[in-house]
Amino acid sequence: MKLRNHGKSTLSAEVTQISSHGIWLLVRGTEYFLPYADFPWFEKATVAQIHCVQLIRGSHLRWPDLDVDLELDSLNHLESYPLVYR
């Protein structure tokens, strides 16, 4: 038997917690902490803006309401992805 309709993709990104220090993000079963010191765009954002996250092509995180884009690899290797222009 073949399924005609595919189910909802489990390859998504979800904000699991917001604190006064940063946000926790769950992506494909791995949890990441994004501190405001390293990711200042989220500190003044509303809860709705932070929760509106998209995982695109499996490795690109996008917050359209904040105009923020991050590669998933940058969360593992922040030192290789300078976030401040010098």
PDB file of N, CA and C in Angstrom:
ATOM      1  N   MET A   1       0.840  -1.181   0.000  1.00  0.00           N
ATOM      2  CA  MET A   1       0.000   0.000   0.000  1.00  0.00           C
ATOM      3  C   MET A   1       0.884   1.244   0.000  1.00  0.00           C
ATOM      4  N   LYS A   2       0.548   2.195  -0.809  1.00  0.00           N
ATOM      5  CA  LYS A   2       1.290   3.449  -0.873  1.00  0.00           C
ATOM      6  C   LYS A   2       0.470   4.563  -0.243  1.00  0.00           C
ATOM      7  N   LEU A   3       1.175   5.450   0.465  1.00  0.00           N
ATOM      8  CA  LEU A   3       0.509   6.625   1.020  1.00  0.00           C
ATOM      9  C   LEU A   3       0.398   7.684  -0.069  1.00  0.00           C
ATOM     10  N   ARG A   4      -0.744   8.260  -0.184  1.00  0.00           N
ATOM     11  CA  ARG A   4      -0.935   9.306  -1.200  1.00  0.00           C
ATOM     12  C   ARG A   4      -0.514  10.667  -0.689  1.00  0.00           C
ATOM     13  N   ASN A   5      -0.783  10.935   0.577  1.00  0.00           N
ATOM     14  CA  ASN A   5      -0.405  12.218   1.153  1.00  0.00           C
ATOM     15  C   ASN A   5       0.727  12.014   2.145  1.00  0.00           C
ATOM     16  N   HIS A   6       1.764  12.780   1.991  1.00  0.00           N
ATOM     17  CA  HIS A   6       2.879  12.716   2.919  1.00  0.00           C
ATOM     18  C   HIS A   6       2.494  13.441   4.201  1.00  0.00           C
ATOM     19  N   GLY A   7       3.050  12.984   5.318  1.00  0.00           N
ATOM     20  CA  GLY A   7       2.806  13.643   6.598  1.00  0.00           C
ATOM     21  C   GLY A   7       3.639  14.901   6.735  1.00  0.00           C
ATOM     22  N   LYS A   8       3.421  15.588   7.837  1.00  0.00           N
ATOM     23  CA  LYS A   8       4.166  16.804   8.112  1.00  0.00           C
ATOM     24  C   LYS A   8       5.639  16.467   8.339  1.00  0.00           C
ATOM     25  N   SER A   9       6.521  17.260   7.795  1.00  0.00           N
ATOM     26  CA  SER A   9       7.948  17.032   7.933  1.00  0.00           C
ATOM     27  C   SER A   9       8.376  17.173   9.387  1.00  0.00           C
ATOM     28  N   THR A  10       9.243  16.258   9.822  1.00  0.00           N
ATOM     29  CA  THR A  10       9.792  16.350  11.175  1.00  0.00           C
ATOM     30  C   THR A  10      11.123  17.092  11.178  1.00  0.00           C
ATOM     31  N   LEU A  11      11.566  17.504  10.008  1.00  0.00           N
ATOM     32  CA  LEU A  11      12.815  18.236   9.906  1.00  0.00           C
ATOM     33  C   LEU A  11      12.533  19.727  10.050  1.00  0.00           C
ATOM     34  N   SER A  12      12.221  20.144  11.261  1.00  0.00           N
ATOM     35  CA  SER A  12      11.850  21.533  11.466  1.00  0.00           C
ATOM     36  C   SER A  12      12.663  22.144  12.591  1.00  0.00           C
ATOM     37  N   ALA A  13      12.474  23.414  12.792  1.00  0.00           N
ATOM     38  CA  ALA A  13      13.113  24.153  13.878  1.00  0.00           C
ATOM     39  C   ALA A  13      12.016  24.681  14.780  1.00  0.00           C
ATOM     40  N   GLU A  14      12.284  24.664  16.081  1.00  0.00           N
ATOM     41  CA  GLU A  14      11.288  25.104  17.046  1.00  0.00           C
ATOM     42  C   GLU A  14      11.989  25.799  18.214  1.00  0.00           C
ATOM     43  N   VAL A  15      11.504  26.944  18.596  1.00  0.00           N
ATOM     44  CA  VAL A  15      11.989  27.627  19.793  1.00  0.00           C
ATOM     45  C   VAL A  15      11.321  26.952  20.984  1.00  0.00           C
ATOM     46  N   THR A  16      12.147  26.429  21.901  1.00  0.00           N
ATOM     47  CA  THR A  16      11.591  25.697  23.033  1.00  0.00           C
ATOM     48  C   THR A  16      11.531  26.532  24.301  1.00  0.00           C
ATOM     49  N   GLN A  17      12.368  27.562  24.387  1.00  0.00           N
ATOM     50  CA  GLN A  17      12.359  28.404  25.579  1.00  0.00           C
ATOM     51  C   GLN A  17      13.004  29.753  25.268  1.00  0.00           C
ATOM     52  N   ILE A  18      12.490  30.782  25.934  1.00  0.00           N
ATOM     53  CA  ILE A  18      13.055  32.130  25.846  1.00  0.00           C
ATOM     54  C   ILE A  18      13.316  32.582  27.274  1.00  0.00           C
ATOM     55  N   SER A  19      14.537  33.039  27.545  1.00  0.00           N
ATOM     56  CA  SER A  19      14.862  33.510  28.893  1.00  0.00           C
ATOM     57  C   SER A  19      15.474  34.898  28.816  1.00  0.00           C
ATOM     58  N   SER A  20      15.860  35.422  29.942  1.00  0.00           N
ATOM     59  CA  SER A  20      16.497  36.735  29.980  1.00  0.00           C
ATOM     60  C   SER A  20      17.938  36.673  29.484  1.00  0.00           C
ATOM     61  N   HIS A  21      18.458  35.462  29.213  1.00  0.00           N
ATOM     62  CA  HIS A  21      19.836  35.292  28.746  1.00  0.00           C
ATOM     63  C   HIS A  21      19.943  34.903  27.282  1.00  0.00           C
ATOM     64  N   GLY A  22      18.867  34.350  26.725  1.00  0.00           N
ATOM     65  CA  GLY A  22      18.916  33.919  25.339  1.00  0.00           C
ATOM     66  C   GLY A  22      17.739  33.020  25.013  1.00  0.00           C
ATOM     67  N   ILE A  23      17.858  32.334  23.882  1.00  0.00           N
ATOM     68  CA  ILE A  23      16.785  31.440  23.455  1.00  0.00           C
ATOM     69  C   ILE A  23      17.332  30.032  23.236  1.00  0.00           C
ATOM     70  N   TRP A  24      16.464  29.034  23.443  1.00  0.00           N
ATOM     71  CA  TRP A  24      16.786  27.642  23.154  1.00  0.00           C
ATOM     72  C   TRP A  24      16.032  27.256  21.902  1.00  0.00           C
ATOM     73  N   LEU A  25      16.744  26.594  21.007  1.00  0.00           N
ATOM     74  CA  LEU A  25      16.201  26.234  19.710  1.00  0.00           C
ATOM     75  C   LEU A  25      16.398  24.732  19.495  1.00  0.00           C
ATOM     76  N   LEU A  26      15.349  24.026  19.121  1.00  0.00           N
ATOM     77  CA  LEU A  26      15.419  22.595  18.836  1.00  0.00           C
ATOM     78  C   LEU A  26      15.349  22.412  17.327  1.00  0.00           C
ATOM     79  N   VAL A  27      16.405  21.799  16.773  1.00  0.00           N
ATOM     80  CA  VAL A  27      16.463  21.563  15.334  1.00  0.00           C
ATOM     81  C   VAL A  27      16.831  20.107  15.102  1.00  0.00           C
ATOM     82  N   ARG A  28      15.933  19.365  14.469  1.00  0.00           N
ATOM     83  CA  ARG A  28      16.166  17.953  14.134  1.00  0.00           C
ATOM     84  C   ARG A  28      16.702  17.163  15.326  1.00  0.00           C
ATOM     85  N   GLY A  29      16.117  17.368  16.504  1.00  0.00           N
ATOM     86  CA  GLY A  29      16.479  16.601  17.678  1.00  0.00           C
ATOM     87  C   GLY A  29      17.668  17.118  18.463  1.00  0.00           C
ATOM     88  N   THR A  30      18.298  18.187  18.014  1.00  0.00           N
ATOM     89  CA  THR A  30      19.433  18.780  18.723  1.00  0.00           C
ATOM     90  C   THR A  30      19.024  20.143  19.254  1.00  0.00           C
ATOM     91  N   GLU A  31      19.342  20.400  20.521  1.00  0.00           N
ATOM     92  CA  GLU A  31      18.983  21.680  21.135  1.00  0.00           C
ATOM     93  C   GLU A  31      20.195  22.608  21.141  1.00  0.00           C
ATOM     94  N   TYR A  32      19.960  23.844  20.798  1.00  0.00           N
ATOM     95  CA  TYR A  32      21.003  24.870  20.750  1.00  0.00           C
ATOM     96  C   TYR A  32      20.589  26.020  21.656  1.00  0.00           C
ATOM     97  N   PHE A  33      21.586  26.638  22.323  1.00  0.00           N
ATOM     98  CA  PHE A  33      21.336  27.849  23.100  1.00  0.00           C
ATOM     99  C   PHE A  33      21.956  29.007  22.351  1.00  0.00           C
ATOM    100  N   LEU A  34      21.165  30.042  22.103  1.00  0.00           N
ATOM    101  CA  LEU A  34      21.632  31.244  21.415  1.00  0.00           C
ATOM    102  C   LEU A  34      21.606  32.396  22.412  1.00  0.00           C
ATOM    103  N   PRO A  35      22.758  32.699  23.037  1.00  0.00           N
ATOM    104  CA  PRO A  35      22.787  33.789  24.016  1.00  0.00           C
ATOM    105  C   PRO A  35      22.667  35.148  23.324  1.00  0.00           C
ATOM    106  N   TYR A  36      22.007  36.067  24.000  1.00  0.00           N
ATOM    107  CA  TYR A  36      21.836  37.400  23.430  1.00  0.00           C
ATOM    108  C   TYR A  36      23.177  38.099  23.196  1.00  0.00           C
ATOM    109  N   ALA A  37      24.187  37.754  23.986  1.00  0.00           N
ATOM    110  CA  ALA A  37      25.506  38.361  23.791  1.00  0.00           C
ATOM    111  C   ALA A  37      26.061  38.049  22.402  1.00  0.00           C
ATOM    112  N   ASP A  38      25.775  36.859  21.895  1.00  0.00           N
ATOM    113  CA  ASP A  38      26.253  36.466  20.563  1.00  0.00           C
ATOM    114  C   ASP A  38      25.222  36.676  19.468  1.00  0.00           C
ATOM    115  N   PHE A  39      23.950  36.728  19.841  1.00  0.00           N
ATOM    116  CA  PHE A  39      22.861  36.871  18.879  1.00  0.00           C
ATOM    117  C   PHE A  39      21.949  38.023  19.334  1.00  0.00           C
ATOM    118  N   PRO A  40      22.438  39.256  19.258  1.00  0.00           N
ATOM    119  CA  PRO A  40      21.718  40.407  19.836  1.00  0.00           C
ATOM    120  C   PRO A  40      20.378  40.718  19.178  1.00  0.00           C
ATOM    121  N   TRP A  41      20.111  40.196  17.992  1.00  0.00           N
ATOM    122  CA  TRP A  41      18.861  40.504  17.281  1.00  0.00           C
ATOM    123  C   TRP A  41      17.636  39.998  18.029  1.00  0.00           C
ATOM    124  N   PHE A  42      17.831  38.984  18.856  1.00  0.00           N
ATOM    125  CA  PHE A  42      16.699  38.367  19.547  1.00  0.00           C
ATOM    126  C   PHE A  42      16.357  39.037  20.875  1.00  0.00           C
ATOM    127  N   GLU A  43      17.260  39.816  21.431  1.00  0.00           N
ATOM    128  CA  GLU A  43      17.060  40.372  22.772  1.00  0.00           C
ATOM    129  C   GLU A  43      15.865  41.303  22.863  1.00  0.00           C
ATOM    130  N   LYS A  44      15.634  42.123  21.882  1.00  0.00           N
ATOM    131  CA  LYS A  44      14.519  43.082  21.895  1.00  0.00           C
ATOM    132  C   LYS A  44      13.325  42.617  21.064  1.00  0.00           C
ATOM    133  N   ALA A  45      13.428  41.434  20.508  1.00  0.00           N
ATOM    134  CA  ALA A  45      12.345  40.911  19.663  1.00  0.00           C
ATOM    135  C   ALA A  45      11.168  40.446  20.509  1.00  0.00           C
ATOM    136  N   THR A  46      10.000  40.435  19.897  1.00  0.00           N
ATOM    137  CA  THR A  46       8.820  39.937  20.596  1.00  0.00           C
ATOM    138  C   THR A  46       8.834  38.404  20.589  1.00  0.00           C
ATOM    139  N   VAL A  47       8.042  37.821  21.465  1.00  0.00           N
ATOM    140  CA  VAL A  47       7.932  36.366  21.522  1.00  0.00           C
ATOM    141  C   VAL A  47       7.452  35.827  20.174  1.00  0.00           C
ATOM    142  N   ALA A  48       6.481  36.460  19.577  1.00  0.00           N
ATOM    143  CA  ALA A  48       5.953  36.018  18.284  1.00  0.00           C
ATOM    144  C   ALA A  48       7.032  36.065  17.203  1.00  0.00           C
ATOM    145  N   GLN A  49       7.849  37.107  17.192  1.00  0.00           N
ATOM    146  CA  GLN A  49       8.921  37.219  16.201  1.00  0.00           C
ATOM    147  C   GLN A  49       9.953  36.111  16.374  1.00  0.00           C
ATOM    148  N   ILE A  50      10.299  35.793  17.613  1.00  0.00           N
ATOM    149  CA  ILE A  50      11.292  34.752  17.881  1.00  0.00           C
ATOM    150  C   ILE A  50      10.742  33.376  17.498  1.00  0.00           C
ATOM    151  N   HIS A  51       9.494  33.129  17.790  1.00  0.00           N
ATOM    152  CA  HIS A  51       8.896  31.824  17.492  1.00  0.00           C
ATOM    153  C   HIS A  51       8.665  31.601  16.006  1.00  0.00           C
ATOM    154  N   CYS A  52       8.683  32.637  15.217  1.00  0.00           N
ATOM    155  CA  CYS A  52       8.460  32.508  13.777  1.00  0.00           C
ATOM    156  C   CYS A  52       9.789  32.162  13.093  1.00  0.00           C
ATOM    157  N   VAL A  53      10.238  30.917  13.263  1.00  0.00           N
ATOM    158  CA  VAL A  53      11.500  30.457  12.681  1.00  0.00           C
ATOM    159  C   VAL A  53      11.204  29.390  11.643  1.00  0.00           C
ATOM    160  N   GLN A  54      11.997  29.393  10.575  1.00  0.00           N
ATOM    161  CA  GLN A  54      11.839  28.427   9.487  1.00  0.00           C
ATOM    162  C   GLN A  54      13.166  27.721   9.259  1.00  0.00           C
ATOM    163  N   LEU A  55      13.106  26.444   8.980  1.00  0.00           N
ATOM    164  CA  LEU A  55      14.286  25.686   8.564  1.00  0.00           C
ATOM    165  C   LEU A  55      14.159  25.462   7.067  1.00  0.00           C
ATOM    166  N   ILE A  56      15.090  26.013   6.314  1.00  0.00           N
ATOM    167  CA  ILE A  56      15.043  25.975   4.855  1.00  0.00           C
ATOM    168  C   ILE A  56      16.194  25.105   4.342  1.00  0.00           C
ATOM    169  N   ARG A  57      15.883  24.197   3.462  1.00  0.00           N
ATOM    170  CA  ARG A  57      16.879  23.287   2.858  1.00  0.00           C
ATOM    171  C   ARG A  57      17.687  22.519   3.905  1.00  0.00           C
ATOM    172  N   GLY A  58      17.146  22.330   5.083  1.00  0.00           N
ATOM    173  CA  GLY A  58      17.779  21.496   6.093  1.00  0.00           C
ATOM    174  C   GLY A  58      18.946  22.095   6.847  1.00  0.00           C
ATOM    175  N   SER A  59      19.423  23.273   6.436  1.00  0.00           N
ATOM    176  CA  SER A  59      20.585  23.843   7.122  1.00  0.00           C
ATOM    177  C   SER A  59      20.531  25.362   7.281  1.00  0.00           C
ATOM    178  N   HIS A  60      19.486  25.973   6.802  1.00  0.00           N
ATOM    179  CA  HIS A  60      19.376  27.436   6.818  1.00  0.00           C
ATOM    180  C   HIS A  60      18.203  27.820   7.722  1.00  0.00           C
ATOM    181  N   LEU A  61      18.509  28.566   8.786  1.00  0.00           N
ATOM    182  CA  LEU A  61      17.480  29.059   9.701  1.00  0.00           C
ATOM    183  C   LEU A  61      17.104  30.475   9.316  1.00  0.00           C
ATOM    184  N   ARG A  62      15.818  30.741   9.300  1.00  0.00           N
ATOM    185  CA  ARG A  62      15.321  32.065   8.871  1.00  0.00           C
ATOM    186  C   ARG A  62      14.235  32.527   9.820  1.00  0.00           C
ATOM    187  N   TRP A  63      14.403  33.778  10.308  1.00  0.00           N
ATOM    188  CA  TRP A  63      13.377  34.478  11.080  1.00  0.00           C
ATOM    189  C   TRP A  63      12.899  35.637  10.204  1.00  0.00           C
ATOM    190  N   PRO A  64      11.864  35.428   9.390  1.00  0.00           N
ATOM    191  CA  PRO A  64      11.447  36.452   8.427  1.00  0.00           C
ATOM    192  C   PRO A  64      10.993  37.757   9.077  1.00  0.00           C
ATOM    193  N   ASP A  65      10.366  37.681  10.240  1.00  0.00           N
ATOM    194  CA  ASP A  65       9.895  38.901  10.899  1.00  0.00           C
ATOM    195  C   ASP A  65      11.042  39.757  11.438  1.00  0.00           C
ATOM    196  N   LEU A  66      12.212  39.138  11.638  1.00  0.00           N
ATOM    197  CA  LEU A  66      13.376  39.862  12.160  1.00  0.00           C
ATOM    198  C   LEU A  66      14.429  40.103  11.086  1.00  0.00           C
ATOM    199  N   ASP A  67      14.234  39.535   9.901  1.00  0.00           N
ATOM    200  CA  ASP A  67      15.214  39.592   8.811  1.00  0.00           C
ATOM    201  C   ASP A  67      16.565  39.035   9.276  1.00  0.00           C
ATOM    202  N   VAL A  68      16.514  37.881   9.966  1.00  0.00           N
ATOM    203  CA  VAL A  68      17.707  37.204  10.468  1.00  0.00           C
ATOM    204  C   VAL A  68      17.819  35.853   9.778  1.00  0.00           C
ATOM    205  N   ASP A  69      19.019  35.565   9.262  1.00  0.00           N
ATOM    206  CA  ASP A  69      19.322  34.298   8.623  1.00  0.00           C
ATOM    207  C   ASP A  69      20.592  33.735   9.242  1.00  0.00           C
ATOM    208  N   LEU A  70      20.568  32.451   9.608  1.00  0.00           N
ATOM    209  CA  LEU A  70      21.743  31.791  10.174  1.00  0.00           C
ATOM    210  C   LEU A  70      21.893  30.416   9.542  1.00  0.00           C
ATOM    211  N   GLU A  71      23.127  30.017   9.293  1.00  0.00           N
ATOM    212  CA  GLU A  71      23.404  28.653   8.880  1.00  0.00           C
ATOM    213  C   GLU A  71      23.468  27.794  10.133  1.00  0.00           C
ATOM    214  N   LEU A  72      22.906  26.627  10.082  1.00  0.00           N
ATOM    215  CA  LEU A  72      22.893  25.726  11.228  1.00  0.00           C
ATOM    216  C   LEU A  72      24.318  25.421  11.688  1.00  0.00           C
ATOM    217  N   ASP A  73      25.251  25.291  10.763  1.00  0.00           N
ATOM    218  CA  ASP A  73      26.647  25.026  11.111  1.00  0.00           C
ATOM    219  C   ASP A  73      27.241  26.129  11.984  1.00  0.00           C
ATOM    220  N   SER A  74      26.758  27.357  11.829  1.00  0.00           N
ATOM    221  CA  SER A  74      27.295  28.464  12.630  1.00  0.00           C
ATOM    222  C   SER A  74      26.966  28.305  14.107  1.00  0.00           C
ATOM    223  N   LEU A  75      25.899  27.573  14.450  1.00  0.00           N
ATOM    224  CA  LEU A  75      25.561  27.356  15.850  1.00  0.00           C
ATOM    225  C   LEU A  75      26.523  26.374  16.497  1.00  0.00           C
ATOM    226  N   ASN A  76      27.138  25.505  15.691  1.00  0.00           N
ATOM    227  CA  ASN A  76      28.128  24.557  16.193  1.00  0.00           C
ATOM    228  C   ASN A  76      29.536  25.122  16.185  1.00  0.00           C
ATOM    229  N   HIS A  77      29.796  26.060  15.297  1.00  0.00           N
ATOM    230  CA  HIS A  77      31.147  26.605  15.119  1.00  0.00           C
ATOM    231  C   HIS A  77      31.095  28.129  15.021  1.00  0.00           C
ATOM    232  N   LEU A  78      30.644  28.753  16.090  1.00  0.00           N
ATOM    233  CA  LEU A  78      30.440  30.202  16.096  1.00  0.00           C
ATOM    234  C   LEU A  78      31.722  30.962  15.755  1.00  0.00           C
ATOM    235  N   GLU A  79      32.872  30.422  16.171  1.00  0.00           N
ATOM    236  CA  GLU A  79      34.148  31.103  15.923  1.00  0.00           C
ATOM    237  C   GLU A  79      34.469  31.208  14.433  1.00  0.00           C
ATOM    238  N   SER A  80      33.901  30.348  13.613  1.00  0.00           N
ATOM    239  CA  SER A  80      34.152  30.378  12.167  1.00  0.00           C
ATOM    240  C   SER A  80      33.197  31.297  11.417  1.00  0.00           C
ATOM    241  N   TYR A  81      32.206  31.834  12.133  1.00  0.00           N
ATOM    242  CA  TYR A  81      31.194  32.691  11.516  1.00  0.00           C
ATOM    243  C   TYR A  81      31.101  34.012  12.275  1.00  0.00           C
ATOM    244  N   PRO A  82      31.990  34.949  11.989  1.00  0.00           N
ATOM    245  CA  PRO A  82      31.894  36.231  12.699  1.00  0.00           C
ATOM    246  C   PRO A  82      30.571  36.926  12.376  1.00  0.00           C
ATOM    247  N   LEU A  83      29.860  37.320  13.414  1.00  0.00           N
ATOM    248  CA  LEU A  83      28.544  37.935  13.246  1.00  0.00           C
ATOM    249  C   LEU A  83      28.593  39.455  13.243  1.00  0.00           C
ATOM    250  N   VAL A  84      29.795  40.013  13.454  1.00  0.00           N
ATOM    251  CA  VAL A  84      29.947  41.462  13.502  1.00  0.00           C
ATOM    252  C   VAL A  84      30.931  41.871  12.418  1.00  0.00           C
ATOM    253  N   TYR A  85      30.531  42.804  11.603  1.00  0.00           N
ATOM    254  CA  TYR A  85      31.404  43.323  10.547  1.00  0.00           C
ATOM    255  C   TYR A  85      32.476  44.197  11.155  1.00  0.00           C
ATOM    256  N   ARG A  86      33.723  43.985  10.763  1.00  0.00           N
ATOM    257  CA  ARG A  86      34.855  44.797  11.271  1.00  0.00           C
ATOM    258  C   ARG A  86      35.525  45.527  10.147  1.00  0.00           C
TER     259      ARG A  86
END
